[in-house]
């Protein structure tokens, strides 16, 4: 809705909500903090993505090392039987 000349500008209201453990929360965010908070949230999302990628890579490395150990154990047990 357009404001009439001379009327004070209404401050926009911002909120942040989410979960902490099993509890929900909501916070009022002052307008001047919004840009900083938006950047922090973007940084957090990027960090989460990196952690997920690292988890996948780490799991692949562990699997690879495990199968190498199993292959060595199988070849060693075959040699002992011969």
PDB file of N, CA and C in Angstrom:
ATOM      1  N   UNK A   1       0.852  -1.172   0.000  1.00  0.00           N
ATOM      2  CA  UNK A   1       0.000   0.000   0.000  1.00  0.00           C
ATOM      3  C   UNK A   1       0.898   1.234   0.000  1.00  0.00           C
ATOM      4  N   UNK A   2       0.696   2.133  -0.928  1.00  0.00           N
ATOM      5  CA  UNK A   2       1.530   3.343  -0.965  1.00  0.00           C
ATOM      6  C   UNK A   2       1.233   4.231   0.233  1.00  0.00           C
ATOM      7  N   UNK A   3       2.266   4.893   0.714  1.00  0.00           N
ATOM      8  CA  UNK A   3       2.064   5.776   1.859  1.00  0.00           C
ATOM      9  C   UNK A   3       1.877   7.206   1.354  1.00  0.00           C
ATOM     10  N   UNK A   4       1.145   7.951   2.124  1.00  0.00           N
ATOM     11  CA  UNK A   4       0.890   9.347   1.772  1.00  0.00           C
ATOM     12  C   UNK A   4       2.079  10.191   2.175  1.00  0.00           C
ATOM     13  N   UNK A   5       2.260  11.268   1.490  1.00  0.00           N
ATOM     14  CA  UNK A   5       3.360  12.174   1.790  1.00  0.00           C
ATOM     15  C   UNK A   5       3.235  12.664   3.232  1.00  0.00           C
ATOM     16  N   UNK A   6       4.354  12.617   3.934  1.00  0.00           N
ATOM     17  CA  UNK A   6       4.365  13.068   5.316  1.00  0.00           C
ATOM     18  C   UNK A   6       4.116  11.962   6.327  1.00  0.00           C
ATOM     19  N   UNK A   7       3.656  10.791   5.870  1.00  0.00           N
ATOM     20  CA  UNK A   7       3.450   9.681   6.797  1.00  0.00           C
ATOM     21  C   UNK A   7       4.795   9.024   7.108  1.00  0.00           C
ATOM     22  N   UNK A   8       4.979   8.609   8.333  1.00  0.00           N
ATOM     23  CA  UNK A   8       6.237   7.940   8.669  1.00  0.00           C
ATOM     24  C   UNK A   8       6.338   6.579   7.959  1.00  0.00           C
ATOM     25  N   UNK A   9       7.546   6.242   7.634  1.00  0.00           N
ATOM     26  CA  UNK A   9       7.798   4.950   6.985  1.00  0.00           C
ATOM     27  C   UNK A   9       7.667   3.858   8.034  1.00  0.00           C
ATOM     28  N   UNK A  10       6.933   2.836   7.705  1.00  0.00           N
ATOM     29  CA  UNK A  10       6.777   1.703   8.627  1.00  0.00           C
ATOM     30  C   UNK A  10       7.988   0.790   8.478  1.00  0.00           C
ATOM     31  N   UNK A  11       8.555   0.428   9.586  1.00  0.00           N
ATOM     32  CA  UNK A  11       9.708  -0.476   9.572  1.00  0.00           C
ATOM     33  C   UNK A  11       9.244  -1.864   9.167  1.00  0.00           C
ATOM     34  N   UNK A  12      10.039  -2.494   8.310  1.00  0.00           N
ATOM     35  CA  UNK A  12       9.726  -3.867   7.956  1.00  0.00           C
ATOM     36  C   UNK A  12      10.080  -4.761   9.125  1.00  0.00           C
ATOM     37  N   UNK A  13       9.339  -5.823   9.281  1.00  0.00           N
ATOM     38  CA  UNK A  13       9.575  -6.753  10.379  1.00  0.00           C
ATOM     39  C   UNK A  13      10.181  -8.023   9.808  1.00  0.00           C
ATOM     40  N   UNK A  14      11.200  -8.501  10.481  1.00  0.00           N
ATOM     41  CA  UNK A  14      11.874  -9.721  10.067  1.00  0.00           C
ATOM     42  C   UNK A  14      11.904 -10.697  11.229  1.00  0.00           C
ATOM     43  N   UNK A  15      11.840 -11.946  10.892  1.00  0.00           N
ATOM     44  CA  UNK A  15      11.913 -12.976  11.915  1.00  0.00           C
ATOM     45  C   UNK A  15      12.777 -14.127  11.451  1.00  0.00           C
ATOM     46  N   UNK A  16      13.315 -14.824  12.400  1.00  0.00           N
ATOM     47  CA  UNK A  16      14.096 -16.023  12.151  1.00  0.00           C
ATOM     48  C   UNK A  16      13.468 -17.115  12.984  1.00  0.00           C
ATOM     49  N   UNK A  17      13.183 -18.237  12.366  1.00  0.00           N
ATOM     50  CA  UNK A  17      12.596 -19.328  13.124  1.00  0.00           C
ATOM     51  C   UNK A  17      13.200 -20.637  12.670  1.00  0.00           C
ATOM     52  N   UNK A  18      13.104 -21.616  13.543  1.00  0.00           N
ATOM     53  CA  UNK A  18      13.662 -22.921  13.238  1.00  0.00           C
ATOM     54  C   UNK A  18      13.518 -23.842  14.424  1.00  0.00           C
ATOM     55  N   UNK A  19      14.398 -24.834  14.473  1.00  0.00           N
ATOM     56  CA  UNK A  19      14.382 -25.819  15.558  1.00  0.00           C
ATOM     57  C   UNK A  19      15.754 -25.900  16.196  1.00  0.00           C
ATOM     58  N   UNK A  20      15.748 -26.090  17.472  1.00  0.00           N
ATOM     59  CA  UNK A  20      16.972 -26.361  18.221  1.00  0.00           C
ATOM     60  C   UNK A  20      16.687 -27.635  18.999  1.00  0.00           C
ATOM     61  N   UNK A  21      17.218 -28.751  18.507  1.00  0.00           N
ATOM     62  CA  UNK A  21      16.859 -30.036  19.096  1.00  0.00           C
ATOM     63  C   UNK A  21      15.404 -30.313  18.776  1.00  0.00           C
ATOM     64  N   UNK A  22      14.611 -30.585  19.787  1.00  0.00           N
ATOM     65  CA  UNK A  22      13.193 -30.869  19.583  1.00  0.00           C
ATOM     66  C   UNK A  22      12.338 -29.615  19.724  1.00  0.00           C
ATOM     67  N   UNK A  23      12.940 -28.520  20.138  1.00  0.00           N
ATOM     68  CA  UNK A  23      12.168 -27.298  20.395  1.00  0.00           C
ATOM     69  C   UNK A  23      12.180 -26.354  19.203  1.00  0.00           C
ATOM     70  N   UNK A  24      11.055 -25.702  18.992  1.00  0.00           N
ATOM     71  CA  UNK A  24      10.956 -24.663  17.970  1.00  0.00           C
ATOM     72  C   UNK A  24      11.297 -23.323  18.601  1.00  0.00           C
ATOM     73  N   UNK A  25      11.812 -22.413  17.773  1.00  0.00           N
ATOM     74  CA  UNK A  25      12.097 -21.075  18.279  1.00  0.00           C
ATOM     75  C   UNK A  25      11.778 -20.056  17.200  1.00  0.00           C
ATOM     76  N   UNK A  26      11.576 -18.839  17.622  1.00  0.00           N
ATOM     77  CA  UNK A  26      11.427 -17.721  16.697  1.00  0.00           C
ATOM     78  C   UNK A  26      12.031 -16.488  17.351  1.00  0.00           C
ATOM     79  N   UNK A  27      12.686 -15.690  16.522  1.00  0.00           N
ATOM     80  CA  UNK A  27      13.356 -14.499  17.009  1.00  0.00           C
ATOM     81  C   UNK A  27      13.006 -13.309  16.127  1.00  0.00           C
ATOM     82  N   UNK A  28      12.846 -12.169  16.725  1.00  0.00           N
ATOM     83  CA  UNK A  28      12.706 -10.928  15.981  1.00  0.00           C
ATOM     84  C   UNK A  28      14.096 -10.505  15.538  1.00  0.00           C
ATOM     85  N   UNK A  29      14.223 -10.058  14.300  1.00  0.00           N
ATOM     86  CA  UNK A  29      15.506  -9.591  13.775  1.00  0.00           C
ATOM     87  C   UNK A  29      15.348  -8.131  13.370  1.00  0.00           C
ATOM     88  N   UNK A  30      16.146  -7.273  13.969  1.00  0.00           N
ATOM     89  CA  UNK A  30      16.099  -5.853  13.639  1.00  0.00           C
ATOM     90  C   UNK A  30      16.529  -5.654  12.182  1.00  0.00           C
ATOM     91  N   UNK A  31      15.932  -4.689  11.528  1.00  0.00           N
ATOM     92  CA  UNK A  31      16.162  -4.449  10.104  1.00  0.00           C
ATOM     93  C   UNK A  31      17.643  -4.247   9.774  1.00  0.00           C
ATOM     94  N   UNK A  32      18.363  -3.554  10.639  1.00  0.00           N
ATOM     95  CA  UNK A  32      19.774  -3.288  10.337  1.00  0.00           C
ATOM     96  C   UNK A  32      20.647  -4.545  10.437  1.00  0.00           C
ATOM     97  N   UNK A  33      20.138  -5.603  11.069  1.00  0.00           N
ATOM     98  CA  UNK A  33      20.904  -6.846  11.186  1.00  0.00           C
ATOM     99  C   UNK A  33      20.631  -7.832  10.049  1.00  0.00           C
ATOM    100  N   UNK A  34      19.620  -7.560   9.252  1.00  0.00           N
ATOM    101  CA  UNK A  34      19.201  -8.498   8.206  1.00  0.00           C
ATOM    102  C   UNK A  34      20.314  -8.824   7.212  1.00  0.00           C
ATOM    103  N   UNK A  35      21.033  -7.863   6.624  1.00  0.00           N
ATOM    104  CA  UNK A  35      22.073  -8.233   5.653  1.00  0.00           C
ATOM    105  C   UNK A  35      23.150  -9.144   6.255  1.00  0.00           C
ATOM    106  N   UNK A  36      23.578  -8.832   7.471  1.00  0.00           N
ATOM    107  CA  UNK A  36      24.604  -9.643   8.124  1.00  0.00           C
ATOM    108  C   UNK A  36      24.084 -11.055   8.416  1.00  0.00           C
ATOM    109  N   UNK A  37      22.836 -11.134   8.864  1.00  0.00           N
ATOM    110  CA  UNK A  37      22.241 -12.426   9.161  1.00  0.00           C
ATOM    111  C   UNK A  37      22.047 -13.250   7.890  1.00  0.00           C
ATOM    112  N   UNK A  38      21.614 -12.609   6.810  1.00  0.00           N
ATOM    113  CA  UNK A  38      21.459 -13.317   5.533  1.00  0.00           C
ATOM    114  C   UNK A  38      22.789 -13.921   5.087  1.00  0.00           C
ATOM    115  N   UNK A  39      23.871 -13.153   5.204  1.00  0.00           N
ATOM    116  CA  UNK A  39      25.187 -13.658   4.812  1.00  0.00           C
ATOM    117  C   UNK A  39      25.613 -14.809   5.708  1.00  0.00           C
ATOM    118  N   UNK A  40      25.342 -14.703   6.989  1.00  0.00           N
ATOM    119  CA  UNK A  40      25.700 -15.782   7.915  1.00  0.00           C
ATOM    120  C   UNK A  40      24.935 -17.062   7.578  1.00  0.00           C
ATOM    121  N   UNK A  41      23.658 -16.924   7.225  1.00  0.00           N
ATOM    122  CA  UNK A  41      22.865 -18.096   6.858  1.00  0.00           C
ATOM    123  C   UNK A  41      23.377 -18.732   5.572  1.00  0.00           C
ATOM    124  N   UNK A  42      23.741 -17.902   4.598  1.00  0.00           N
ATOM    125  CA  UNK A  42      24.310 -18.430   3.354  1.00  0.00           C
ATOM    126  C   UNK A  42      25.625 -19.154   3.627  1.00  0.00           C
ATOM    127  N   UNK A  43      26.459 -18.569   4.480  1.00  0.00           N
ATOM    128  CA  UNK A  43      27.720 -19.215   4.847  1.00  0.00           C
ATOM    129  C   UNK A  43      27.462 -20.558   5.527  1.00  0.00           C
ATOM    130  N   UNK A  44      26.473 -20.591   6.395  1.00  0.00           N
ATOM    131  CA  UNK A  44      26.134 -21.834   7.092  1.00  0.00           C
ATOM    132  C   UNK A  44      25.650 -22.903   6.130  1.00  0.00           C
ATOM    133  N   UNK A  45      24.854 -22.511   5.143  1.00  0.00           N
ATOM    134  CA  UNK A  45      24.373 -23.466   4.147  1.00  0.00           C
ATOM    135  C   UNK A  45      25.531 -24.010   3.316  1.00  0.00           C
ATOM    136  N   UNK A  46      26.452 -23.136   2.947  1.00  0.00           N
ATOM    137  CA  UNK A  46      27.623 -23.571   2.178  1.00  0.00           C
ATOM    138  C   UNK A  46      28.469 -24.533   3.010  1.00  0.00           C
ATOM    139  N   UNK A  47      28.613 -24.228   4.289  1.00  0.00           N
ATOM    140  CA  UNK A  47      29.384 -25.096   5.172  1.00  0.00           C
ATOM    141  C   UNK A  47      28.727 -26.462   5.307  1.00  0.00           C
ATOM    142  N   UNK A  48      27.406 -26.486   5.441  1.00  0.00           N
ATOM    143  CA  UNK A  48      26.685 -27.760   5.517  1.00  0.00           C
ATOM    144  C   UNK A  48      26.925 -28.588   4.260  1.00  0.00           C
ATOM    145  N   UNK A  49      26.892 -27.957   3.104  1.00  0.00           N
ATOM    146  CA  UNK A  49      27.123 -28.662   1.850  1.00  0.00           C
ATOM    147  C   UNK A  49      28.534 -29.260   1.822  1.00  0.00           C
ATOM    148  N   UNK A  50      29.522 -28.497   2.249  1.00  0.00           N
ATOM    149  CA  UNK A  50      30.899 -29.007   2.293  1.00  0.00           C
ATOM    150  C   UNK A  50      31.031 -30.192   3.246  1.00  0.00           C
ATOM    151  N   UNK A  51      30.379 -30.108   4.391  1.00  0.00           N
ATOM    152  CA  UNK A  51      30.434 -31.208   5.359  1.00  0.00           C
ATOM    153  C   UNK A  51      29.803 -32.464   4.764  1.00  0.00           C
ATOM    154  N   UNK A  52      28.678 -32.321   4.055  1.00  0.00           N
ATOM    155  CA  UNK A  52      28.061 -33.473   3.402  1.00  0.00           C
ATOM    156  C   UNK A  52      29.000 -34.093   2.368  1.00  0.00           C
ATOM    157  N   UNK A  53      29.623 -33.237   1.555  1.00  0.00           N
ATOM    158  CA  UNK A  53      30.547 -33.732   0.536  1.00  0.00           C
ATOM    159  C   UNK A  53      31.737 -34.446   1.185  1.00  0.00           C
ATOM    160  N   UNK A  54      32.257 -33.875   2.255  1.00  0.00           N
ATOM    161  CA  UNK A  54      33.374 -34.507   2.953  1.00  0.00           C
ATOM    162  C   UNK A  54      32.949 -35.855   3.549  1.00  0.00           C
ATOM    163  N   UNK A  55      31.742 -35.937   4.035  1.00  0.00           N
ATOM    164  CA  UNK A  55      31.229 -37.207   4.573  1.00  0.00           C
ATOM    165  C   UNK A  55      31.177 -38.282   3.507  1.00  0.00           C
ATOM    166  N   UNK A  56      30.730 -37.911   2.318  1.00  0.00           N
ATOM    167  CA  UNK A  56      30.672 -38.867   1.210  1.00  0.00           C
ATOM    168  C   UNK A  56      32.086 -39.311   0.836  1.00  0.00           C
ATOM    169  N   UNK A  57      32.996 -38.363   0.699  1.00  0.00           N
ATOM    170  CA  UNK A  57      34.385 -38.706   0.342  1.00  0.00           C
ATOM    171  C   UNK A  57      35.024 -39.597   1.394  1.00  0.00           C
ATOM    172  N   UNK A  58      34.828 -39.254   2.652  1.00  0.00           N
ATOM    173  CA  UNK A  58      35.409 -40.033   3.742  1.00  0.00           C
ATOM    174  C   UNK A  58      34.869 -41.461   3.731  1.00  0.00           C
ATOM    175  N   UNK A  59      33.557 -41.597   3.513  1.00  0.00           N
ATOM    176  CA  UNK A  59      32.948 -42.920   3.455  1.00  0.00           C
ATOM    177  C   UNK A  59      33.524 -43.733   2.299  1.00  0.00           C
ATOM    178  N   UNK A  60      33.715 -43.105   1.149  1.00  0.00           N
ATOM    179  CA  UNK A  60      34.291 -43.805   0.004  1.00  0.00           C
ATOM    180  C   UNK A  60      35.717 -44.262   0.305  1.00  0.00           C
ATOM    181  N   UNK A  61      36.499 -43.423   0.967  1.00  0.00           N
ATOM    182  CA  UNK A  61      37.876 -43.786   1.326  1.00  0.00           C
ATOM    183  C   UNK A  61      37.874 -44.964   2.297  1.00  0.00           C
ATOM    184  N   UNK A  62      37.004 -44.912   3.311  1.00  0.00           N
ATOM    185  CA  UNK A  62      36.932 -46.013   4.275  1.00  0.00           C
ATOM    186  C   UNK A  62      36.552 -47.317   3.592  1.00  0.00           C
ATOM    187  N   UNK A  63      35.600 -47.263   2.684  1.00  0.00           N
ATOM    188  CA  UNK A  63      35.190 -48.466   1.953  1.00  0.00           C
ATOM    189  C   UNK A  63      36.346 -49.019   1.135  1.00  0.00           C
ATOM    190  N   UNK A  64      37.045 -48.128   0.467  1.00  0.00           N
ATOM    191  CA  UNK A  64      38.176 -48.546  -0.351  1.00  0.00           C
ATOM    192  C   UNK A  64      39.254 -49.206   0.496  1.00  0.00           C
ATOM    193  N   UNK A  65      39.596 -48.591   1.619  1.00  0.00           N
ATOM    194  CA  UNK A  65      40.610 -49.159   2.522  1.00  0.00           C
ATOM    195  C   UNK A  65      40.156 -50.499   3.075  1.00  0.00           C
ATOM    196  N   UNK A  66      38.882 -50.601   3.387  1.00  0.00           N
ATOM    197  CA  UNK A  66      38.342 -51.848   3.931  1.00  0.00           C
ATOM    198  C   UNK A  66      38.443 -52.967   2.905  1.00  0.00           C
ATOM    199  N   UNK A  67      38.064 -52.691   1.661  1.00  0.00           N
ATOM    200  CA  UNK A  67      38.127 -53.740   0.642  1.00  0.00           C
ATOM    201  C   UNK A  67      39.582 -54.117   0.332  1.00  0.00           C
ATOM    202  N   UNK A  68      40.509 -53.148   0.415  1.00  0.00           N
ATOM    203  CA  UNK A  68      41.929 -53.473   0.228  1.00  0.00           C
ATOM    204  C   UNK A  68      42.422 -54.404   1.330  1.00  0.00           C
ATOM    205  N   UNK A  69      42.037 -54.125   2.580  1.00  0.00           N
ATOM    206  CA  UNK A  69      42.433 -54.987   3.701  1.00  0.00           C
ATOM    207  C   UNK A  69      41.859 -56.387   3.526  1.00  0.00           C
ATOM    208  N   UNK A  70      40.603 -56.459   3.108  1.00  0.00           N
ATOM    209  CA  UNK A  70      39.975 -57.759   2.923  1.00  0.00           C
ATOM    210  C   UNK A  70      40.652 -58.538   1.800  1.00  0.00           C
ATOM    211  N   UNK A  71      41.026 -57.861   0.736  1.00  0.00           N
ATOM    212  CA  UNK A  71      41.724 -58.519  -0.377  1.00  0.00           C
ATOM    213  C   UNK A  71      43.071 -59.062   0.083  1.00  0.00           C
ATOM    214  N   UNK A  72      43.812 -58.276   0.863  1.00  0.00           N
ATOM    215  CA  UNK A  72      45.114 -58.715   1.377  1.00  0.00           C
ATOM    216  C   UNK A  72      44.952 -59.913   2.303  1.00  0.00           C
ATOM    217  N   UNK A  73      43.932 -59.879   3.156  1.00  0.00           N
ATOM    218  CA  UNK A  73      43.707 -60.984   4.081  1.00  0.00           C
ATOM    219  C   UNK A  73      43.360 -62.258   3.330  1.00  0.00           C
ATOM    220  N   UNK A  74      42.558 -62.144   2.281  1.00  0.00           N
ATOM    221  CA  UNK A  74      42.186 -63.308   1.495  1.00  0.00           C
ATOM    222  C   UNK A  74      43.391 -63.883   0.760  1.00  0.00           C
ATOM    223  N   UNK A  75      44.240 -63.017   0.204  1.00  0.00           N
ATOM    224  CA  UNK A  75      45.417 -63.498  -0.523  1.00  0.00           C
ATOM    225  C   UNK A  75      46.418 -64.117   0.457  1.00  0.00           C
ATOM    226  N   UNK A  76      46.548 -63.574   1.652  1.00  0.00           N
ATOM    227  CA  UNK A  76      47.440 -64.141   2.668  1.00  0.00           C
ATOM    228  C   UNK A  76      46.937 -65.497   3.144  1.00  0.00           C
ATOM    229  N   UNK A  77      45.650 -65.664   3.313  1.00  0.00           N
ATOM    230  CA  UNK A  77      45.101 -66.936   3.786  1.00  0.00           C
ATOM    231  C   UNK A  77      45.228 -67.995   2.688  1.00  0.00           C
ATOM    232  N   UNK A  78      45.154 -67.639   1.434  1.00  0.00           N
ATOM    233  CA  UNK A  78      45.341 -68.593   0.327  1.00  0.00           C
ATOM    234  C   UNK A  78      46.786 -69.075   0.277  1.00  0.00           C
ATOM    235  N   UNK A  79      47.725 -68.175   0.524  1.00  0.00           N
ATOM    236  CA  UNK A  79      49.140 -68.534   0.518  1.00  0.00           C
ATOM    237  C   UNK A  79      49.469 -69.517   1.638  1.00  0.00           C
ATOM    238  N   UNK A  80      48.884 -69.308   2.798  1.00  0.00           N
ATOM    239  CA  UNK A  80      49.145 -70.181   3.937  1.00  0.00           C
ATOM    240  C   UNK A  80      48.593 -71.592   3.700  1.00  0.00           C
ATOM    241  N   UNK A  81      47.479 -71.710   2.991  1.00  0.00           N
ATOM    242  CA  UNK A  81      46.855 -73.001   2.712  1.00  0.00           C
ATOM    243  C   UNK A  81      47.673 -73.780   1.674  1.00  0.00           C
ATOM    244  N   UNK A  82      48.391 -73.114   0.817  1.00  0.00           N
ATOM    245  CA  UNK A  82      49.146 -73.780  -0.266  1.00  0.00           C
ATOM    246  C   UNK A  82      50.351 -74.495   0.228  1.00  0.00           C
TER     247      UNK A  82
END
